[in-house]
Every structure is written in structure tokens, then in C-alpha cells.
Amino acid sequence: MAVKEKKRVQVKIDKDLADDTEAILNELGLNPTTAINMFYKRIVANGALPFNVSLSEEERANLRLLKATEGTPVTEFKDAKEV
């Protein structure tokens, strides 16, 4: 059986996110390489991402709030006396 050629994939992600994810993967008996390989294999098998890509209701509400408050004047205070 021929050895498959490997390709290195590098990404930069938030350190806290990586640490939290690796802790969970460790509890599942997985490492990041195995999890990423599983992810890629599901993409190939499904011809799409293996999950629904959409905003949560909370994220949508935050976006609506940001849009509604866009252009609202903001007053910055330098100290308690100015307040």
C-alpha cells in the first residue's frame, strides 16, 4: 500500500479558542489533527460544510441593535467629574 502524500495546513486562530477546543478534543480522545481530518472528510463526503452556517438568534439580535444604534452620538467622559 502506497503512503499518501501529506500537505500541511496552517491557520491562525484565537489562542483561547484553540485552548478550549483542544481541552474538549482531549476529553473526546482526539487531537486537533484528527479533528481537522474528520472535518475535511465530512466536507468531501457531503460536498458542503457538515453544519448549518447561520447566526444564532442572539447574534442576529446583536446585529439588529448595532444597526439600530448606528450613527447615535457618543459622548466620551474623561473622568467622573465630567459625568
N, C-alpha and C. Protein backbone atom coordinates (compact mmCIF):
# COMPACT_ATOMS: atom_id res chain seq x y z
N MET A 1 0.84 -1.18 0.00
CA MET A 1 0.00 0.00 0.00
C MET A 1 0.88 1.24 0.00
N ALA A 2 0.60 2.17 -0.90
CA ALA A 2 1.40 3.39 -1.03
C ALA A 2 1.09 4.35 0.11
N VAL A 3 2.13 5.03 0.55
CA VAL A 3 1.96 6.03 1.60
C VAL A 3 1.40 7.29 0.96
N LYS A 4 0.33 7.83 1.52
CA LYS A 4 -0.29 9.03 0.97
C LYS A 4 0.58 10.24 1.27
N GLU A 5 0.69 11.10 0.29
CA GLU A 5 1.43 12.35 0.47
C GLU A 5 0.64 13.26 1.41
N LYS A 6 1.34 13.94 2.29
CA LYS A 6 0.71 14.83 3.26
C LYS A 6 0.89 16.28 2.84
N LYS A 7 -0.05 17.10 3.24
CA LYS A 7 0.02 18.54 2.98
C LYS A 7 -0.21 19.25 4.30
N ARG A 8 0.64 20.22 4.63
CA ARG A 8 0.49 20.99 5.85
C ARG A 8 -0.52 22.10 5.63
N VAL A 9 -1.46 22.22 6.57
CA VAL A 9 -2.44 23.30 6.54
C VAL A 9 -2.23 24.11 7.81
N GLN A 10 -1.95 25.39 7.66
CA GLN A 10 -1.72 26.25 8.82
C GLN A 10 -2.79 27.32 8.87
N VAL A 11 -3.31 27.54 10.06
CA VAL A 11 -4.29 28.60 10.27
C VAL A 11 -3.95 29.32 11.56
N LYS A 12 -4.34 30.56 11.65
CA LYS A 12 -4.18 31.31 12.89
C LYS A 12 -5.56 31.50 13.49
N ILE A 13 -5.71 31.07 14.74
CA ILE A 13 -6.97 31.26 15.44
C ILE A 13 -6.68 31.81 16.83
N ASP A 14 -7.70 32.34 17.44
CA ASP A 14 -7.60 32.89 18.78
C ASP A 14 -7.05 31.84 19.74
N LYS A 15 -6.07 32.20 20.57
CA LYS A 15 -5.44 31.26 21.47
C LYS A 15 -6.43 30.64 22.45
N ASP A 16 -7.32 31.46 23.01
CA ASP A 16 -8.29 30.93 23.96
C ASP A 16 -9.22 29.92 23.30
N LEU A 17 -9.63 30.22 22.06
CA LEU A 17 -10.48 29.29 21.32
C LEU A 17 -9.74 27.97 21.08
N ALA A 18 -8.47 28.06 20.68
CA ALA A 18 -7.68 26.86 20.44
C ALA A 18 -7.53 26.05 21.73
N ASP A 19 -7.22 26.72 22.83
CA ASP A 19 -7.04 26.02 24.11
C ASP A 19 -8.33 25.34 24.56
N ASP A 20 -9.45 26.07 24.45
CA ASP A 20 -10.74 25.49 24.85
C ASP A 20 -11.10 24.29 23.98
N THR A 21 -10.87 24.44 22.68
CA THR A 21 -11.17 23.35 21.75
C THR A 21 -10.30 22.14 22.02
N GLU A 22 -9.02 22.35 22.24
CA GLU A 22 -8.11 21.23 22.49
C GLU A 22 -8.46 20.51 23.79
N ALA A 23 -8.93 21.23 24.79
CA ALA A 23 -9.35 20.60 26.05
C ALA A 23 -10.53 19.66 25.81
N ILE A 24 -11.49 20.13 25.00
CA ILE A 24 -12.65 19.30 24.68
C ILE A 24 -12.23 18.10 23.84
N LEU A 25 -11.42 18.34 22.82
CA LEU A 25 -10.95 17.24 21.98
C LEU A 25 -10.21 16.20 22.81
N ASN A 26 -9.40 16.66 23.76
CA ASN A 26 -8.67 15.75 24.63
C ASN A 26 -9.63 14.85 25.41
N GLU A 27 -10.70 15.45 25.92
CA GLU A 27 -11.71 14.67 26.66
C GLU A 27 -12.38 13.63 25.75
N LEU A 28 -12.46 13.95 24.46
CA LEU A 28 -13.06 13.03 23.49
C LEU A 28 -12.05 12.02 22.97
N GLY A 29 -10.79 12.15 23.42
CA GLY A 29 -9.75 11.23 22.96
C GLY A 29 -9.23 11.57 21.57
N LEU A 30 -9.38 12.82 21.19
CA LEU A 30 -8.94 13.27 19.87
C LEU A 30 -7.88 14.35 20.00
N ASN A 31 -7.15 14.57 18.92
CA ASN A 31 -6.22 15.69 18.87
C ASN A 31 -6.65 16.60 17.72
N PRO A 32 -6.13 17.81 17.65
CA PRO A 32 -6.55 18.74 16.60
C PRO A 32 -6.37 18.19 15.18
N THR A 33 -5.29 17.48 14.92
CA THR A 33 -5.05 16.93 13.59
C THR A 33 -6.15 15.95 13.20
N THR A 34 -6.51 15.07 14.11
CA THR A 34 -7.57 14.10 13.83
C THR A 34 -8.90 14.81 13.61
N ALA A 35 -9.21 15.80 14.45
CA ALA A 35 -10.47 16.53 14.32
C ALA A 35 -10.54 17.27 12.98
N ILE A 36 -9.45 17.88 12.58
CA ILE A 36 -9.44 18.61 11.30
C ILE A 36 -9.56 17.63 10.14
N ASN A 37 -8.91 16.48 10.23
CA ASN A 37 -9.06 15.46 9.19
C ASN A 37 -10.51 14.99 9.10
N MET A 38 -11.16 14.80 10.25
CA MET A 38 -12.57 14.41 10.27
C MET A 38 -13.43 15.48 9.60
N PHE A 39 -13.16 16.73 9.92
CA PHE A 39 -13.88 17.86 9.35
C PHE A 39 -13.74 17.87 7.83
N TYR A 40 -12.52 17.76 7.33
CA TYR A 40 -12.27 17.76 5.88
C TYR A 40 -12.97 16.58 5.20
N LYS A 41 -12.94 15.42 5.84
CA LYS A 41 -13.57 14.24 5.24
C LYS A 41 -15.08 14.41 5.13
N ARG A 42 -15.70 15.06 6.12
CA ARG A 42 -17.15 15.32 6.06
C ARG A 42 -17.47 16.32 4.96
N ILE A 43 -16.60 17.31 4.77
CA ILE A 43 -16.81 18.27 3.68
C ILE A 43 -16.80 17.55 2.34
N VAL A 44 -15.84 16.67 2.16
CA VAL A 44 -15.75 15.92 0.90
C VAL A 44 -16.96 15.00 0.75
N ALA A 45 -17.33 14.28 1.81
CA ALA A 45 -18.46 13.34 1.73
C ALA A 45 -19.78 14.06 1.46
N ASN A 46 -19.98 15.23 2.08
CA ASN A 46 -21.24 15.96 1.94
C ASN A 46 -21.25 16.93 0.76
N GLY A 47 -20.07 17.30 0.30
CA GLY A 47 -19.99 18.33 -0.73
C GLY A 47 -20.37 19.69 -0.17
N ALA A 48 -20.29 19.82 1.15
CA ALA A 48 -20.67 21.05 1.84
C ALA A 48 -20.13 20.99 3.25
N LEU A 49 -20.27 22.09 3.96
CA LEU A 49 -19.88 22.08 5.37
C LEU A 49 -20.79 21.13 6.14
N PRO A 50 -20.27 20.45 7.14
CA PRO A 50 -21.07 19.46 7.88
C PRO A 50 -21.97 20.07 8.96
N PHE A 51 -22.25 21.34 8.85
CA PHE A 51 -23.14 22.00 9.80
C PHE A 51 -23.75 23.20 9.11
N ASN A 52 -24.84 23.67 9.67
CA ASN A 52 -25.54 24.82 9.12
C ASN A 52 -24.77 26.09 9.49
N VAL A 53 -24.44 26.88 8.51
CA VAL A 53 -23.73 28.13 8.77
C VAL A 53 -24.75 29.25 8.82
N SER A 54 -25.06 29.66 10.04
CA SER A 54 -26.03 30.74 10.22
C SER A 54 -25.78 31.39 11.57
N LEU A 55 -26.32 32.56 11.74
CA LEU A 55 -26.19 33.28 13.00
C LEU A 55 -27.23 32.77 13.99
N SER A 56 -26.85 32.75 15.26
CA SER A 56 -27.81 32.39 16.29
C SER A 56 -28.78 33.55 16.47
N GLU A 57 -29.89 33.31 17.17
CA GLU A 57 -30.85 34.39 17.43
C GLU A 57 -30.18 35.53 18.19
N GLU A 58 -29.30 35.19 19.13
CA GLU A 58 -28.59 36.22 19.90
C GLU A 58 -27.69 37.05 18.99
N GLU A 59 -26.98 36.40 18.08
CA GLU A 59 -26.11 37.13 17.15
C GLU A 59 -26.93 38.03 16.23
N ARG A 60 -28.07 37.54 15.76
CA ARG A 60 -28.94 38.37 14.92
C ARG A 60 -29.46 39.58 15.69
N ALA A 61 -29.82 39.36 16.96
CA ALA A 61 -30.31 40.46 17.80
C ALA A 61 -29.20 41.50 18.00
N ASN A 62 -27.98 41.05 18.23
CA ASN A 62 -26.86 41.98 18.38
C ASN A 62 -26.64 42.80 17.12
N LEU A 63 -26.75 42.15 15.96
CA LEU A 63 -26.59 42.88 14.70
C LEU A 63 -27.70 43.91 14.52
N ARG A 64 -28.94 43.54 14.88
CA ARG A 64 -30.05 44.49 14.78
C ARG A 64 -29.81 45.69 15.70
N LEU A 65 -29.32 45.42 16.91
CA LEU A 65 -29.04 46.50 17.85
C LEU A 65 -27.94 47.42 17.31
N LEU A 66 -26.87 46.84 16.79
CA LEU A 66 -25.79 47.64 16.22
C LEU A 66 -26.30 48.51 15.08
N LYS A 67 -27.13 47.92 14.22
CA LYS A 67 -27.67 48.67 13.09
C LYS A 67 -28.59 49.78 13.57
N ALA A 68 -29.41 49.49 14.58
CA ALA A 68 -30.36 50.48 15.10
C ALA A 68 -29.66 51.64 15.78
N THR A 69 -28.51 51.40 16.36
CA THR A 69 -27.79 52.45 17.08
C THR A 69 -26.70 53.10 16.24
N GLU A 70 -26.57 52.67 15.00
CA GLU A 70 -25.57 53.24 14.10
C GLU A 70 -25.82 54.74 13.96
N GLY A 71 -24.80 55.52 14.11
CA GLY A 71 -24.93 56.96 13.97
C GLY A 71 -25.39 57.67 15.23
N THR A 72 -25.67 56.91 16.28
CA THR A 72 -26.06 57.52 17.55
C THR A 72 -24.84 58.24 18.13
N PRO A 73 -24.99 59.51 18.49
CA PRO A 73 -23.83 60.23 19.03
C PRO A 73 -23.35 59.59 20.34
N VAL A 74 -22.06 59.57 20.49
CA VAL A 74 -21.44 59.00 21.69
C VAL A 74 -20.65 60.09 22.39
N THR A 75 -20.90 60.24 23.67
CA THR A 75 -20.15 61.21 24.46
C THR A 75 -19.15 60.46 25.32
N GLU A 76 -17.90 60.86 25.19
CA GLU A 76 -16.85 60.22 26.00
C GLU A 76 -16.49 61.16 27.15
N PHE A 77 -16.44 60.61 28.32
CA PHE A 77 -16.06 61.38 29.51
C PHE A 77 -14.65 61.00 29.91
N LYS A 78 -13.89 62.00 30.28
CA LYS A 78 -12.50 61.76 30.67
C LYS A 78 -12.38 61.32 32.12
N ASP A 79 -13.32 61.76 32.96
CA ASP A 79 -13.26 61.39 34.37
C ASP A 79 -14.66 61.50 34.96
N ALA A 80 -14.79 61.13 36.22
CA ALA A 80 -16.08 61.13 36.91
C ALA A 80 -16.65 62.53 37.02
N LYS A 81 -15.79 63.52 37.12
CA LYS A 81 -16.24 64.91 37.24
C LYS A 81 -17.04 65.35 36.02
N GLU A 82 -16.64 64.90 34.82
CA GLU A 82 -17.32 65.26 33.59
C GLU A 82 -18.71 64.62 33.50
N VAL A 83 -18.86 63.46 34.12
CA VAL A 83 -20.15 62.76 34.08
C VAL A 83 -21.18 63.59 34.80
